Amino acid sequence: MSSIRALLFDMDGTLAATDPLHAEVFADVLAPHGFTVDHDFYQRQIAGRTNRLIFQELFPGLSAAEADAMSDAKEAAFRAAYPALDPLPGLHDFIDAASAQGLRLALVTNAPRANADHVLSALGLAARFAEIVTVDVVPRGKPHPDPYQEALRRFGLAPHQAIAFEDSPTGLRAALAAGVPTVGLATTLTAEALQALGARWAAPDYLGLSLPALLAEAG
């Protein structure tokens, strides 16, 4: 019997390949301020980070309230622009298999709650997650371990009783700092890069993952 009792999923880039969509919205928001959001800029300044930190670093002197207002506007634009989203290949079957095994699911994201609700609804997964941990409910977002620690606390589990699913260096650092063995989804980085960052397993999508094998290897 495996000791794993829960699966903890990041959202953007992990449930759906939304990073290019967010990059487009950031480009629209930041262009009037003289920023060009290309791939390198997105990976360096934006990917996996909290919006408050992003805006405060891009606009020195911006207060937390001002950064949060810019974040709210950017995320509202994202939700309006993308009412429909495609899940990563194999995601629904993977989640069905997890449910059949009696595993509990949590969403663990640096996104605000409104985005989490939007994405889960757009993917047809709103009823599948027992817990939703967003940046709104923890003292610190990823790369700090707080979001994953909160998910474990809600489930009453130790780190070794869960598996995390992440796609970014920031997310991997958060999950690993919380002590949770982690699968890397190679939607923005290569599988090799994810494993070099500490992912125990890596795959391009959920078609490349075997839940029974993960459970057996996790112990």
C-alpha atoms as a PDB file:
ATOM      1  CA  MET A   1       0.000   0.000   0.000  1.00  0.00           C
ATOM      2  CA  SER A   2       1.287   3.450  -0.904  1.00  0.00           C
ATOM      3  CA  SER A   3       1.548   6.094   1.820  1.00  0.00           C
ATOM      4  CA  ILE A   4       0.285   8.766  -0.602  1.00  0.00           C
ATOM      5  CA  ARG A   5      -3.090  10.208   0.398  1.00  0.00           C
ATOM      6  CA  ALA A   6      -3.292  13.430  -1.639  1.00  0.00           C
ATOM      7  CA  LEU A   7      -2.177  15.083  -4.859  1.00  0.00           C
ATOM      8  CA  LEU A   8      -1.364  18.802  -4.765  1.00  0.00           C
ATOM      9  CA  PHE A   9      -1.579  20.591  -8.115  1.00  0.00           C
ATOM     10  CA  ASP A  10      -0.224  23.927  -9.176  1.00  0.00           C
ATOM     11  CA  MET A  11      -2.525  25.608 -11.712  1.00  0.00           C
ATOM     12  CA  ASP A  12      -0.970  27.727 -14.487  1.00  0.00           C
ATOM     13  CA  GLY A  13       1.244  25.574 -16.682  1.00  0.00           C
ATOM     14  CA  THR A  14       0.290  22.481 -14.696  1.00  0.00           C
ATOM     15  CA  LEU A  15      -3.437  22.002 -15.276  1.00  0.00           C
ATOM     16  CA  ALA A  16      -3.439  23.979 -18.528  1.00  0.00           C
ATOM     17  CA  ALA A  17      -0.776  25.625 -20.680  1.00  0.00           C
ATOM     18  CA  THR A  18      -1.836  29.117 -19.644  1.00  0.00           C
ATOM     19  CA  ASP A  19       1.583  30.772 -19.446  1.00  0.00           C
ATOM     20  CA  PRO A  20       1.496  32.022 -23.066  1.00  0.00           C
ATOM     21  CA  LEU A  21      -1.967  33.466 -22.382  1.00  0.00           C
ATOM     22  CA  HIS A  22      -0.780  35.280 -19.261  1.00  0.00           C
ATOM     23  CA  ALA A  23       2.244  36.533 -21.196  1.00  0.00           C
ATOM     24  CA  GLU A  24      -0.067  38.102 -23.776  1.00  0.00           C
ATOM     25  CA  VAL A  25      -2.087  39.868 -21.101  1.00  0.00           C
ATOM     26  CA  PHE A  26       1.032  41.075 -19.276  1.00  0.00           C
ATOM     27  CA  ALA A  27       2.355  42.377 -22.612  1.00  0.00           C
ATOM     28  CA  ASP A  28      -0.834  44.404 -23.135  1.00  0.00           C
ATOM     29  CA  VAL A  29      -0.758  45.740 -19.561  1.00  0.00           C
ATOM     30  CA  LEU A  30       2.939  46.647 -19.546  1.00  0.00           C
ATOM     31  CA  ALA A  31       3.395  47.955 -23.101  1.00  0.00           C
ATOM     32  CA  PRO A  32       2.148  51.476 -22.232  1.00  0.00           C
ATOM     33  CA  HIS A  33       4.873  51.609 -19.557  1.00  0.00           C
ATOM     34  CA  GLY A  34       7.656  50.789 -22.014  1.00  0.00           C
ATOM     35  CA  PHE A  35       8.103  47.089 -21.228  1.00  0.00           C
ATOM     36  CA  THR A  36       8.378  44.422 -23.933  1.00  0.00           C
ATOM     37  CA  VAL A  37       7.235  41.048 -22.635  1.00  0.00           C
ATOM     38  CA  ASP A  38       9.124  38.478 -24.679  1.00  0.00           C
ATOM     39  CA  HIS A  39       9.908  34.897 -23.612  1.00  0.00           C
ATOM     40  CA  ASP A  40      13.055  35.816 -21.680  1.00  0.00           C
ATOM     41  CA  PHE A  41      11.358  38.711 -19.885  1.00  0.00           C
ATOM     42  CA  TYR A  42       8.426  36.493 -18.916  1.00  0.00           C
ATOM     43  CA  GLN A  43      10.644  33.728 -17.571  1.00  0.00           C
ATOM     44  CA  ARG A  44      12.905  36.153 -15.698  1.00  0.00           C
ATOM     45  CA  GLN A  45      10.396  38.631 -14.276  1.00  0.00           C
ATOM     46  CA  ILE A  46       7.011  36.923 -14.180  1.00  0.00           C
ATOM     47  CA  ALA A  47       6.814  33.127 -14.342  1.00  0.00           C
ATOM     48  CA  GLY A  48       5.785  31.505 -11.063  1.00  0.00           C
ATOM     49  CA  ARG A  49       5.954  34.709  -9.010  1.00  0.00           C
ATOM     50  CA  THR A  50       3.247  36.581  -7.135  1.00  0.00           C
ATOM     51  CA  ASN A  51       1.730  39.538  -8.963  1.00  0.00           C
ATOM     52  CA  ARG A  52       2.420  41.885  -6.080  1.00  0.00           C
ATOM     53  CA  LEU A  53       6.138  41.149  -6.269  1.00  0.00           C
ATOM     54  CA  ILE A  54       6.128  41.389 -10.069  1.00  0.00           C
ATOM     55  CA  PHE A  55       4.564  44.840 -10.127  1.00  0.00           C
ATOM     56  CA  GLN A  56       6.559  46.171  -7.180  1.00  0.00           C
ATOM     57  CA  GLU A  57       9.830  45.150  -8.830  1.00  0.00           C
ATOM     58  CA  LEU A  58       8.835  46.609 -12.192  1.00  0.00           C
ATOM     59  CA  PHE A  59       7.574  49.825 -10.591  1.00  0.00           C
ATOM     60  CA  PRO A  60       9.844  50.673  -7.627  1.00  0.00           C
ATOM     61  CA  GLY A  61       8.040  52.574  -4.908  1.00  0.00           C
ATOM     62  CA  LEU A  62       4.669  51.038  -5.698  1.00  0.00           C
ATOM     63  CA  SER A  63       2.725  50.312  -2.513  1.00  0.00           C
ATOM     64  CA  ALA A  64       1.230  46.887  -1.828  1.00  0.00           C
ATOM     65  CA  ALA A  65      -2.266  48.298  -2.387  1.00  0.00           C
ATOM     66  CA  GLU A  66      -1.235  49.855  -5.705  1.00  0.00           C
ATOM     67  CA  ALA A  67       0.433  46.632  -6.838  1.00  0.00           C
ATOM     68  CA  ASP A  68      -2.636  44.645  -5.862  1.00  0.00           C
ATOM     69  CA  ALA A  69      -4.848  47.010  -7.853  1.00  0.00           C
ATOM     70  CA  MET A  70      -2.675  46.481 -10.938  1.00  0.00           C
ATOM     71  CA  SER A  71      -2.802  42.736 -10.304  1.00  0.00           C
ATOM     72  CA  ASP A  72      -6.594  42.749 -10.025  1.00  0.00           C
ATOM     73  CA  ALA A  73      -6.895  44.607 -13.333  1.00  0.00           C
ATOM     74  CA  LYS A  74      -4.473  42.270 -15.088  1.00  0.00           C
ATOM     75  CA  GLU A  75      -6.222  39.117 -13.846  1.00  0.00           C
ATOM     76  CA  ALA A  76      -9.664  40.468 -14.734  1.00  0.00           C
ATOM     77  CA  ALA A  77      -8.331  41.045 -18.255  1.00  0.00           C
ATOM     78  CA  PHE A  78      -7.044  37.442 -18.363  1.00  0.00           C
ATOM     79  CA  ARG A  79     -10.402  36.011 -17.295  1.00  0.00           C
ATOM     80  CA  ALA A  80     -12.279  38.143 -19.814  1.00  0.00           C
ATOM     81  CA  ALA A  81      -9.923  37.258 -22.665  1.00  0.00           C
ATOM     82  CA  TYR A  82      -9.930  33.491 -22.062  1.00  0.00           C
ATOM     83  CA  PRO A  83     -13.344  32.185 -20.978  1.00  0.00           C
ATOM     84  CA  ALA A  84     -12.469  28.724 -22.368  1.00  0.00           C
ATOM     85  CA  LEU A  85      -9.296  26.760 -21.668  1.00  0.00           C
ATOM     86  CA  ASP A  86      -7.901  23.379 -22.707  1.00  0.00           C
ATOM     87  CA  PRO A  87      -6.560  20.983 -20.070  1.00  0.00           C
ATOM     88  CA  LEU A  88      -3.162  19.419 -20.517  1.00  0.00           C
ATOM     89  CA  PRO A  89      -3.463  16.108 -22.389  1.00  0.00           C
ATOM     90  CA  GLY A  90      -4.510  13.273 -20.121  1.00  0.00           C
ATOM     91  CA  LEU A  91      -5.421  15.509 -17.163  1.00  0.00           C
ATOM     92  CA  HIS A  92      -9.051  14.413 -16.796  1.00  0.00           C
ATOM     93  CA  ASP A  93      -8.217  10.705 -17.001  1.00  0.00           C
ATOM     94  CA  PHE A  94      -5.399  11.197 -14.492  1.00  0.00           C
ATOM     95  CA  ILE A  95      -7.735  12.935 -12.049  1.00  0.00           C
ATOM     96  CA  ASP A  96     -10.360  10.218 -12.574  1.00  0.00           C
ATOM     97  CA  ALA A  97      -7.726   7.617 -11.708  1.00  0.00           C
ATOM     98  CA  ALA A  98      -6.736   9.558  -8.594  1.00  0.00           C
ATOM     99  CA  SER A  99     -10.347   9.746  -7.450  1.00  0.00           C
ATOM    100  CA  ALA A 100     -10.767   6.024  -8.049  1.00  0.00           C
ATOM    101  CA  GLN A 101      -7.776   5.462  -5.760  1.00  0.00           C
ATOM    102  CA  GLY A 102      -9.422   7.573  -3.045  1.00  0.00           C
ATOM    103  CA  LEU A 103      -6.790  10.303  -3.263  1.00  0.00           C
ATOM    104  CA  ARG A 104      -7.756  13.826  -2.210  1.00  0.00           C
ATOM    105  CA  LEU A 105      -6.903  16.725  -4.498  1.00  0.00           C
ATOM    106  CA  ALA A 106      -5.832  20.263  -3.678  1.00  0.00           C
ATOM    107  CA  LEU A 107      -5.099  23.218  -5.908  1.00  0.00           C
ATOM    108  CA  VAL A 108      -2.051  25.165  -4.713  1.00  0.00           C
ATOM    109  CA  THR A 109      -1.423  28.343  -6.678  1.00  0.00           C
ATOM    110  CA  ASN A 110       0.058  31.820  -6.538  1.00  0.00           C
ATOM    111  CA  ALA A 111      -2.994  33.033  -8.431  1.00  0.00           C
ATOM    112  CA  PRO A 112      -5.882  34.849  -6.715  1.00  0.00           C
ATOM    113  CA  ARG A 113      -9.050  32.933  -5.822  1.00  0.00           C
ATOM    114  CA  ALA A 114     -11.025  34.486  -8.691  1.00  0.00           C
ATOM    115  CA  ASN A 115      -8.548  33.015 -11.181  1.00  0.00           C
ATOM    116  CA  ALA A 116      -8.609  29.614  -9.491  1.00  0.00           C
ATOM    117  CA  ASP A 117     -12.397  29.500  -9.703  1.00  0.00           C
ATOM    118  CA  HIS A 118     -12.303  30.650 -13.329  1.00  0.00           C
ATOM    119  CA  VAL A 119      -9.694  28.124 -14.466  1.00  0.00           C
ATOM    120  CA  LEU A 120     -11.257  25.170 -12.650  1.00  0.00           C
ATOM    121  CA  SER A 121     -14.658  26.032 -14.084  1.00  0.00           C
ATOM    122  CA  ALA A 122     -13.240  26.491 -17.600  1.00  0.00           C
ATOM    123  CA  LEU A 123     -11.569  23.072 -17.351  1.00  0.00           C
ATOM    124  CA  GLY A 124     -14.654  21.350 -15.937  1.00  0.00           C
ATOM    125  CA  LEU A 125     -12.885  20.581 -12.669  1.00  0.00           C
ATOM    126  CA  ALA A 126     -14.670  22.855 -10.205  1.00  0.00           C
ATOM    127  CA  ALA A 127     -16.075  19.939  -8.198  1.00  0.00           C
ATOM    128  CA  ARG A 128     -12.954  17.788  -8.186  1.00  0.00           C
ATOM    129  CA  PHE A 129     -10.713  19.638  -5.736  1.00  0.00           C
ATOM    130  CA  ALA A 130     -11.346  19.227  -2.024  1.00  0.00           C
ATOM    131  CA  GLU A 131      -9.165  22.233  -1.126  1.00  0.00           C
ATOM    132  CA  ILE A 132      -8.079  25.381  -2.946  1.00  0.00           C
ATOM    133  CA  VAL A 133      -5.067  27.251  -1.571  1.00  0.00           C
ATOM    134  CA  THR A 134      -4.467  30.590  -3.304  1.00  0.00           C
ATOM    135  CA  VAL A 135      -2.112  33.469  -2.672  1.00  0.00           C
ATOM    136  CA  ASP A 136      -4.944  35.223  -0.818  1.00  0.00           C
ATOM    137  CA  VAL A 137      -4.891  32.859   2.167  1.00  0.00           C
ATOM    138  CA  VAL A 138      -1.199  32.411   3.028  1.00  0.00           C
ATOM    139  CA  PRO A 139       1.362  34.807   4.523  1.00  0.00           C
ATOM    140  CA  ARG A 140       3.792  34.211   1.658  1.00  0.00           C
ATOM    141  CA  GLY A 141       3.353  32.785  -1.824  1.00  0.00           C
ATOM    142  CA  LYS A 142       5.690  30.503  -3.709  1.00  0.00           C
ATOM    143  CA  PRO A 143       8.713  30.088  -3.712  1.00  0.00           C
ATOM    144  CA  HIS A 144       8.080  29.955   0.038  1.00  0.00           C
ATOM    145  CA  PRO A 145       6.631  26.656   1.283  1.00  0.00           C
ATOM    146  CA  ASP A 146       3.593  28.299   2.898  1.00  0.00           C
ATOM    147  CA  PRO A 147       1.016  27.344   0.215  1.00  0.00           C
ATOM    148  CA  TYR A 148       1.992  23.676   0.286  1.00  0.00           C
ATOM    149  CA  GLN A 149       2.209  23.639   4.064  1.00  0.00           C
ATOM    150  CA  GLU A 150      -1.314  25.052   4.192  1.00  0.00           C
ATOM    151  CA  ALA A 151      -2.632  22.328   1.875  1.00  0.00           C
ATOM    152  CA  LEU A 152      -0.984  19.651   4.016  1.00  0.00           C
ATOM    153  CA  ARG A 153      -2.404  21.259   7.175  1.00  0.00           C
ATOM    154  CA  ARG A 154      -5.920  21.215   5.757  1.00  0.00           C
ATOM    155  CA  PHE A 155      -5.611  17.543   4.869  1.00  0.00           C
ATOM    156  CA  GLY A 156      -3.875  16.635   8.127  1.00  0.00           C
ATOM    157  CA  LEU A 157      -1.027  15.001   6.229  1.00  0.00           C
ATOM    158  CA  ALA A 158       2.743  14.819   6.486  1.00  0.00           C
ATOM    159  CA  PRO A 159       4.787  15.903   3.437  1.00  0.00           C
ATOM    160  CA  HIS A 160       5.632  12.318   2.465  1.00  0.00           C
ATOM    161  CA  GLN A 161       1.920  11.525   2.186  1.00  0.00           C
ATOM    162  CA  ALA A 162       1.406  13.793  -0.829  1.00  0.00           C
ATOM    163  CA  ILE A 163       2.769  14.350  -4.328  1.00  0.00           C
ATOM    164  CA  ALA A 164       2.981  17.832  -5.840  1.00  0.00           C
ATOM    165  CA  PHE A 165       2.703  18.752  -9.523  1.00  0.00           C
ATOM    166  CA  GLU A 166       4.572  21.844 -10.707  1.00  0.00           C
ATOM    167  CA  ASP A 167       5.984  23.448 -13.859  1.00  0.00           C
ATOM    168  CA  SER A 168       8.112  26.391 -12.687  1.00  0.00           C
ATOM    169  CA  PRO A 169      11.322  26.834 -10.670  1.00  0.00           C
ATOM    170  CA  THR A 170       9.389  28.935  -8.161  1.00  0.00           C
ATOM    171  CA  GLY A 171       6.764  26.262  -7.674  1.00  0.00           C
ATOM    172  CA  LEU A 172       9.309  23.491  -7.416  1.00  0.00           C
ATOM    173  CA  ARG A 173      11.214  25.386  -4.747  1.00  0.00           C
ATOM    174  CA  ALA A 174       7.996  25.838  -2.769  1.00  0.00           C
ATOM    175  CA  ALA A 175       6.958  22.194  -2.936  1.00  0.00           C
ATOM    176  CA  LEU A 176      10.439  20.886  -2.170  1.00  0.00           C
ATOM    177  CA  ALA A 177      10.875  23.351   0.712  1.00  0.00           C
ATOM    178  CA  ALA A 178       7.665  21.896   2.150  1.00  0.00           C
ATOM    179  CA  GLY A 179       9.192  18.412   1.799  1.00  0.00           C
ATOM    180  CA  VAL A 180       6.712  17.170  -0.816  1.00  0.00           C
ATOM    181  CA  PRO A 181       8.019  14.892  -3.610  1.00  0.00           C
ATOM    182  CA  THR A 182       7.239  16.617  -6.878  1.00  0.00           C
ATOM    183  CA  VAL A 183       6.369  15.846 -10.493  1.00  0.00           C
ATOM    184  CA  GLY A 184       7.583  18.404 -13.030  1.00  0.00           C
ATOM    185  CA  LEU A 185       5.286  19.163 -15.981  1.00  0.00           C
ATOM    186  CA  ALA A 186       7.443  20.223 -18.923  1.00  0.00           C
ATOM    187  CA  THR A 187       5.173  22.919 -20.316  1.00  0.00           C
ATOM    188  CA  THR A 188       7.661  25.780 -19.988  1.00  0.00           C
ATOM    189  CA  LEU A 189      10.921  24.021 -19.066  1.00  0.00           C
ATOM    190  CA  THR A 190      12.425  20.762 -20.320  1.00  0.00           C
ATOM    191  CA  ALA A 191      12.058  17.585 -18.316  1.00  0.00           C
ATOM    192  CA  GLU A 192      15.819  17.612 -17.779  1.00  0.00           C
ATOM    193  CA  ALA A 193      15.728  21.168 -16.409  1.00  0.00           C
ATOM    194  CA  LEU A 194      12.892  20.287 -14.039  1.00  0.00           C
ATOM    195  CA  GLN A 195      14.748  17.263 -12.709  1.00  0.00           C
ATOM    196  CA  ALA A 196      17.881  19.346 -12.292  1.00  0.00           C
ATOM    197  CA  LEU A 197      15.807  21.682 -10.128  1.00  0.00           C
ATOM    198  CA  GLY A 198      14.720  18.769  -7.938  1.00  0.00           C
ATOM    199  CA  ALA A 199      11.654  17.219  -9.564  1.00  0.00           C
ATOM    200  CA  ARG A 200      11.609  13.509  -8.778  1.00  0.00           C
ATOM    201  CA  TRP A 201       9.651  12.753 -11.946  1.00  0.00           C
ATOM    202  CA  ALA A 202       9.057  14.761 -15.131  1.00  0.00           C
ATOM    203  CA  ALA A 203       6.773  14.443 -18.141  1.00  0.00           C
ATOM    204  CA  PRO A 204       5.396  16.695 -20.904  1.00  0.00           C
ATOM    205  CA  ASP A 205       1.791  16.073 -19.807  1.00  0.00           C
ATOM    206  CA  TYR A 206      -0.388  13.577 -17.966  1.00  0.00           C
ATOM    207  CA  LEU A 207      -0.347  11.087 -20.822  1.00  0.00           C
ATOM    208  CA  GLY A 208       3.299  10.588 -19.899  1.00  0.00           C
ATOM    209  CA  LEU A 209       2.527   9.792 -16.257  1.00  0.00           C
ATOM    210  CA  SER A 210       1.391   6.533 -14.701  1.00  0.00           C
ATOM    211  CA  LEU A 211      -0.407   7.075 -11.405  1.00  0.00           C
ATOM    212  CA  PRO A 212       0.204   3.480 -10.199  1.00  0.00           C
ATOM    213  CA  ALA A 213       3.921   3.889 -10.945  1.00  0.00           C
ATOM    214  CA  LEU A 214       4.060   7.233  -9.109  1.00  0.00           C
ATOM    215  CA  LEU A 215       2.333   5.768  -6.075  1.00  0.00           C
ATOM    216  CA  ALA A 216       4.621   2.740  -6.044  1.00  0.00           C
ATOM    217  CA  GLU A 217       7.779   4.816  -6.411  1.00  0.00           C
ATOM    218  CA  ALA A 218       6.696   7.367  -3.802  1.00  0.00           C
ATOM    219  CA  GLY A 219       6.351   4.559  -1.252  1.00  0.00           C
END
